Amino acid sequence: MIEAIFSYQFLQNAFAAGLIIGIIAPLLGVFIVVRRLSLIADALSHVTLAGIAGSLYLSQSVAAFAMLNPLFLGIAASVAGSVLIERLRSLYKHYEELAIPIILSAGIGFGAIFISLAEGFSSDLFGYLFGSVSAVSREDLGIVIGIAIIVLVFIRVFFKELFVLSFDDEYAKASGLPAKWIHFMFMIITALVIAGSMRIVGILLVSSLMTIPVATAMRLGKSFKGTIILSIVFGEVSVLTGLISAFYFNLAPGGTIVVTSILLLLLVIGFKKITVSMQKGAIA
């Protein structure tokens, strides 16, 4: 496998992008899960699907779009979806959760329309839906690296503010933090990560990489920072194992990555149950 990585550029691109995504997706996922916003990742991924499908359709009918990387329109759609979610959350102040199913449904609706106009699924669209080892280009890798830099800088600069917002939104507002703008920027960053991750994990499965490693880490982590570190570790193990399995067995990497994440979660849950049972037995 090591020899193949050094021999083929597409494997270098896939593994480099996968390693980066394995860091930034669970890193943001911790804040998303703690704030009980897990479904936002699903909503934005479906909006991204509409952008990708729209780009693929336009590439067939408009010559100017033929050379455009569909990832750019996917990113634009995802960012627009995050902005609309925030607008709807402010419009329905007492029913903020309504914003998520509205945007999710809109994403599915527009995606279905563009897929129909493009005369069904193509191999490119399948790769965007479930990920592809061979489809990650140098341009895609460059986009992922750019998104990762933005994410890491944002988390580094606003870590304390995000921590306070995650656990006590009312206190954050009362203490004078610009909670609205920080949350707005966080949503845009989340949209960028979702759009950037789809080449490896796939649009329909990217939310899993942002939540399942976090769910696994929460069973073992004893502090917030400890949970972040464990989330990244589980994310990286899932990505690497998933990509290797996808390469050898010719499978969609999104599926293998997510299944690996679920297996890790089940192993940790089983380990915790055995540990608790042994401790109770020792006490008795």
Protein backbone atom coordinates (compact mmCIF):
# COMPACT_ATOMS: atom_id res chain seq x y z
CA MET A 1 0.00 0.00 0.00
CA ILE A 2 2.86 2.38 0.85
CA GLU A 3 4.44 1.75 -2.55
CA ALA A 4 1.12 2.43 -4.30
CA ILE A 5 0.74 5.76 -2.49
CA PHE A 6 4.16 6.89 -3.70
CA SER A 7 3.48 5.57 -7.22
CA TYR A 8 0.05 7.05 -7.94
CA GLN A 9 -0.77 10.73 -7.66
CA PHE A 10 -4.51 10.10 -7.16
CA LEU A 11 -3.73 8.04 -4.04
CA GLN A 12 -1.47 10.78 -2.73
CA ASN A 13 -4.28 13.28 -3.25
CA ALA A 14 -6.89 11.03 -1.63
CA PHE A 15 -4.83 10.18 1.46
CA ALA A 16 -3.59 13.74 1.96
CA ALA A 17 -7.15 15.10 1.68
CA GLY A 18 -8.45 12.29 3.89
CA LEU A 19 -5.92 12.99 6.64
CA ILE A 20 -6.83 16.68 6.62
CA ILE A 21 -10.58 15.99 6.65
CA GLY A 22 -10.05 13.48 9.46
CA ILE A 23 -8.85 16.41 11.57
CA ILE A 24 -11.16 19.28 10.68
CA ALA A 25 -14.47 17.35 10.45
CA PRO A 26 -14.39 15.87 14.00
CA LEU A 27 -12.85 19.12 15.32
CA LEU A 28 -15.90 21.09 14.22
CA GLY A 29 -18.13 18.13 15.01
CA VAL A 30 -17.42 18.41 18.74
CA PHE A 31 -18.90 21.92 18.84
CA ILE A 32 -21.81 20.86 16.61
CA VAL A 33 -22.72 17.88 18.81
CA VAL A 34 -22.37 19.79 22.10
CA ARG A 35 -24.67 22.52 20.73
CA ARG A 36 -27.18 19.85 19.62
CA LEU A 37 -26.96 20.96 15.99
CA SER A 38 -26.02 17.59 14.47
CA LEU A 39 -28.79 17.72 11.85
CA ILE A 40 -27.40 20.97 10.43
CA ALA A 41 -24.60 18.94 8.85
CA ASP A 42 -27.20 16.78 7.09
CA ALA A 43 -29.12 19.83 5.88
CA LEU A 44 -26.02 21.53 4.47
CA SER A 45 -24.80 18.32 2.82
CA HIS A 46 -28.08 18.05 0.91
CA VAL A 47 -27.83 21.70 -0.14
CA THR A 48 -24.31 20.93 -1.36
CA LEU A 49 -25.78 18.05 -3.38
CA ALA A 50 -28.07 20.54 -5.13
CA GLY A 51 -25.09 22.76 -5.95
CA ILE A 52 -23.05 19.84 -7.32
CA ALA A 53 -25.97 18.50 -9.36
CA GLY A 54 -26.66 22.00 -10.67
CA SER A 55 -23.03 22.41 -11.70
CA LEU A 56 -23.00 19.05 -13.49
CA TYR A 57 -26.21 19.98 -15.32
CA LEU A 58 -24.84 23.40 -16.33
CA SER A 59 -21.64 21.78 -17.58
CA GLN A 60 -23.78 19.81 -20.05
CA SER A 61 -25.82 22.75 -21.29
CA VAL A 62 -23.55 25.80 -20.91
CA ALA A 63 -20.07 25.71 -22.40
CA ALA A 64 -18.68 28.19 -19.87
CA PHE A 65 -19.40 25.76 -17.00
CA ALA A 66 -17.76 22.76 -18.69
CA MET A 67 -14.32 23.59 -17.23
CA LEU A 68 -15.61 24.71 -13.82
CA ASN A 69 -14.90 22.41 -10.88
CA PRO A 70 -18.35 21.41 -9.47
CA LEU A 71 -16.85 21.77 -6.02
CA PHE A 72 -16.99 25.57 -6.32
CA LEU A 73 -20.75 25.66 -6.92
CA GLY A 74 -21.19 23.08 -4.18
CA ILE A 75 -19.31 25.31 -1.75
CA ALA A 76 -21.38 28.34 -2.82
CA ALA A 77 -24.64 26.41 -2.30
CA SER A 78 -23.49 25.14 1.11
CA VAL A 79 -22.52 28.62 2.31
CA ALA A 80 -25.81 30.03 1.00
CA GLY A 81 -27.65 27.25 2.85
CA SER A 82 -25.88 28.12 6.10
CA VAL A 83 -26.85 31.79 5.71
CA LEU A 84 -30.48 30.86 5.02
CA ILE A 85 -30.57 28.59 8.06
CA GLU A 86 -29.46 31.48 10.24
CA ARG A 87 -32.04 33.80 8.67
CA LEU A 88 -34.81 31.28 9.27
CA ARG A 89 -33.66 30.65 12.84
CA SER A 90 -33.95 34.39 13.53
CA LEU A 91 -37.34 34.52 11.77
CA TYR A 92 -38.76 31.61 13.81
CA LYS A 93 -37.22 32.54 17.16
CA HIS A 94 -39.43 30.20 19.17
CA TYR A 95 -39.21 27.36 16.64
CA GLU A 96 -35.59 27.59 15.50
CA GLU A 97 -35.39 23.86 14.70
CA LEU A 98 -37.78 24.45 11.77
CA ALA A 99 -34.93 25.99 9.77
CA ILE A 100 -33.09 22.68 9.42
CA PRO A 101 -35.85 20.55 7.79
CA ILE A 102 -36.83 23.48 5.55
CA ILE A 103 -33.30 23.85 4.13
CA LEU A 104 -32.77 20.07 4.02
CA SER A 105 -35.98 19.62 2.03
CA ALA A 106 -35.02 22.47 -0.30
CA GLY A 107 -31.65 20.85 -0.92
CA ILE A 108 -33.20 17.48 -1.74
CA GLY A 109 -35.81 19.13 -3.97
CA PHE A 110 -33.38 21.17 -6.03
CA GLY A 111 -30.97 18.23 -6.16
CA ALA A 112 -33.67 15.95 -7.55
CA ILE A 113 -34.63 18.55 -10.18
CA PHE A 114 -31.04 19.05 -11.38
CA ILE A 115 -30.38 15.30 -11.43
CA SER A 116 -33.50 14.84 -13.56
CA LEU A 117 -32.47 17.65 -15.91
CA ALA A 118 -29.03 16.08 -16.22
CA GLU A 119 -30.74 12.85 -17.28
CA GLY A 120 -30.01 10.81 -14.20
CA PHE A 121 -26.90 9.80 -12.29
CA SER A 122 -23.45 9.94 -13.80
CA SER A 123 -20.24 8.42 -12.49
CA ASP A 124 -19.16 11.92 -11.37
CA LEU A 125 -22.31 12.44 -9.33
CA PHE A 126 -22.01 8.97 -7.76
CA GLY A 127 -18.49 9.88 -6.66
CA TYR A 128 -19.75 13.07 -5.04
CA LEU A 129 -22.55 11.17 -3.27
CA PHE A 130 -20.44 8.40 -1.74
CA GLY A 131 -16.85 9.53 -2.21
CA SER A 132 -14.16 8.32 -4.58
CA VAL A 133 -10.50 7.41 -4.05
CA SER A 134 -9.56 8.14 -7.66
CA ALA A 135 -11.50 11.38 -8.16
CA VAL A 136 -9.54 13.69 -5.82
CA SER A 137 -7.51 16.06 -8.00
CA ARG A 138 -4.70 18.41 -7.04
CA GLU A 139 -7.20 21.25 -7.30
CA ASP A 140 -9.55 19.46 -4.86
CA LEU A 141 -6.63 18.88 -2.49
CA GLY A 142 -5.70 22.55 -2.69
CA ILE A 143 -9.28 23.54 -1.81
CA VAL A 144 -9.28 21.15 1.17
CA ILE A 145 -5.96 22.58 2.41
CA GLY A 146 -7.32 26.13 2.08
CA ILE A 147 -10.48 25.21 4.03
CA ALA A 148 -8.39 23.48 6.71
CA ILE A 149 -6.27 26.61 7.22
CA ILE A 150 -9.42 28.73 7.61
CA VAL A 151 -10.92 26.22 10.10
CA LEU A 152 -7.79 25.96 12.24
CA VAL A 153 -7.30 29.73 12.38
CA PHE A 154 -10.97 30.27 13.27
CA ILE A 155 -10.91 27.65 16.05
CA ARG A 156 -7.60 28.99 17.39
CA VAL A 157 -8.84 32.60 17.50
CA PHE A 158 -12.37 31.95 18.79
CA PHE A 159 -11.91 28.77 20.87
CA LYS A 160 -12.90 30.37 24.20
CA GLU A 161 -15.93 32.09 22.66
CA LEU A 162 -17.08 28.88 20.96
CA PHE A 163 -16.63 26.97 24.22
CA VAL A 164 -18.83 29.43 26.13
CA LEU A 165 -21.44 29.52 23.36
CA SER A 166 -21.56 25.72 23.25
CA PHE A 167 -22.37 25.30 26.92
CA ASP A 168 -24.16 28.51 27.93
CA ASP A 169 -25.53 30.61 25.12
CA GLU A 170 -27.40 32.98 27.45
CA TYR A 171 -24.30 33.70 29.53
CA ALA A 172 -22.31 34.38 26.35
CA LYS A 173 -24.86 36.97 25.24
CA ALA A 174 -25.07 38.53 28.71
CA SER A 175 -21.28 38.82 28.97
CA GLY A 176 -21.13 40.89 25.80
CA LEU A 177 -19.75 38.30 23.39
CA PRO A 178 -20.78 38.87 19.76
CA ALA A 179 -22.65 35.56 19.88
CA LYS A 180 -24.68 36.14 16.73
CA TRP A 181 -21.68 36.88 14.52
CA ILE A 182 -19.54 34.09 15.95
CA HIS A 183 -22.36 31.60 15.38
CA PHE A 184 -22.85 32.97 11.88
CA MET A 185 -19.15 32.52 11.07
CA PHE A 186 -19.22 29.05 12.62
CA MET A 187 -22.06 28.07 10.30
CA ILE A 188 -20.15 29.28 7.24
CA ILE A 189 -17.04 27.37 8.37
CA THR A 190 -19.17 24.25 8.83
CA ALA A 191 -20.56 24.69 5.32
CA LEU A 192 -17.03 24.93 3.91
CA VAL A 193 -15.92 21.74 5.69
CA ILE A 194 -18.96 19.82 4.49
CA ALA A 195 -18.42 20.91 0.90
CA GLY A 196 -14.69 20.21 1.06
CA SER A 197 -15.15 16.73 2.54
CA MET A 198 -17.52 15.34 -0.07
CA ARG A 199 -14.85 14.11 -2.51
CA ILE A 200 -13.59 11.65 0.12
CA VAL A 201 -16.61 10.85 2.30
CA GLY A 202 -19.44 11.75 -0.06
CA ILE A 203 -22.23 14.28 0.31
CA LEU A 204 -24.69 11.82 1.87
CA LEU A 205 -22.22 10.53 4.48
CA VAL A 206 -20.12 13.56 5.41
CA SER A 207 -22.25 14.39 8.46
CA SER A 208 -21.35 10.97 9.87
CA LEU A 209 -17.65 11.87 10.00
CA MET A 210 -18.58 15.00 11.94
CA THR A 211 -20.68 13.18 14.54
CA ILE A 212 -19.79 9.48 14.95
CA PRO A 213 -16.13 10.00 16.00
CA VAL A 214 -17.40 12.60 18.47
CA ALA A 215 -19.99 10.16 19.85
CA THR A 216 -17.19 7.60 20.27
CA ALA A 217 -14.86 10.08 21.96
CA MET A 218 -17.57 11.22 24.38
CA ARG A 219 -17.64 7.71 25.86
CA LEU A 220 -13.95 7.97 26.78
CA GLY A 221 -13.09 11.67 27.06
CA LYS A 222 -12.85 13.15 30.54
CA SER A 223 -12.64 16.78 29.44
CA PHE A 224 -13.69 18.95 26.52
CA LYS A 225 -10.20 19.17 25.06
CA GLY A 226 -9.69 15.46 25.68
CA THR A 227 -12.87 14.74 23.72
CA ILE A 228 -11.61 16.89 20.84
CA ILE A 229 -8.30 15.00 20.71
CA LEU A 230 -10.00 11.59 20.85
CA SER A 231 -12.50 12.66 18.19
CA ILE A 232 -9.65 13.53 15.84
CA VAL A 233 -7.89 10.22 16.61
CA PHE A 234 -11.04 8.21 15.88
CA GLY A 235 -11.67 10.31 12.77
CA GLU A 236 -8.17 9.65 11.43
CA VAL A 237 -8.38 5.91 12.15
CA SER A 238 -11.74 5.77 10.37
CA VAL A 239 -10.48 7.69 7.33
CA LEU A 240 -7.26 5.72 6.93
CA THR A 241 -8.92 2.34 7.45
CA GLY A 242 -11.78 3.31 5.16
CA LEU A 243 -9.53 4.56 2.36
CA ILE A 244 -7.31 1.47 2.47
CA SER A 245 -10.37 -0.82 2.43
CA ALA A 246 -11.91 1.16 -0.43
CA PHE A 247 -8.71 0.91 -2.48
CA TYR A 248 -8.19 -2.84 -2.02
CA PHE A 249 -11.83 -3.93 -2.35
CA ASN A 250 -12.90 -1.31 -4.94
CA LEU A 251 -15.59 0.17 -2.69
CA ALA A 252 -16.94 3.66 -2.14
CA PRO A 253 -14.70 5.25 0.52
CA GLY A 254 -17.61 7.06 2.14
CA GLY A 255 -19.23 3.75 3.03
CA THR A 256 -16.05 2.13 4.36
CA ILE A 257 -15.15 5.21 6.42
CA VAL A 258 -18.58 5.42 8.02
CA VAL A 259 -18.78 1.66 8.70
CA THR A 260 -15.34 1.83 10.34
CA SER A 261 -16.56 4.73 12.49
CA ILE A 262 -19.61 2.74 13.58
CA LEU A 263 -17.49 -0.33 14.40
CA LEU A 264 -15.20 1.82 16.54
CA LEU A 265 -18.24 3.26 18.33
CA LEU A 266 -19.61 -0.23 19.04
CA LEU A 267 -16.20 -1.41 20.29
CA VAL A 268 -15.90 1.55 22.66
CA ILE A 269 -19.47 1.11 23.96
CA GLY A 270 -18.77 -2.60 24.55
CA PHE A 271 -15.47 -1.80 26.24
CA LYS A 272 -17.13 0.72 28.57
CA LYS A 273 -19.86 -1.75 29.51
CA ILE A 274 -17.31 -4.45 30.32
CA THR A 275 -15.22 -1.96 32.34
CA VAL A 276 -18.26 -0.78 34.35
CA SER A 277 -19.34 -4.38 35.00
CA MET A 278 -15.87 -5.29 36.23
CA GLN A 279 -15.77 -2.26 38.53
CA LYS A 280 -19.18 -3.12 39.98
CA GLY A 281 -18.03 -6.70 40.50
CA ALA A 282 -14.86 -5.56 42.27
CA ILE A 283 -16.88 -3.28 44.59
CA ALA A 284 -19.34 -6.09 45.38
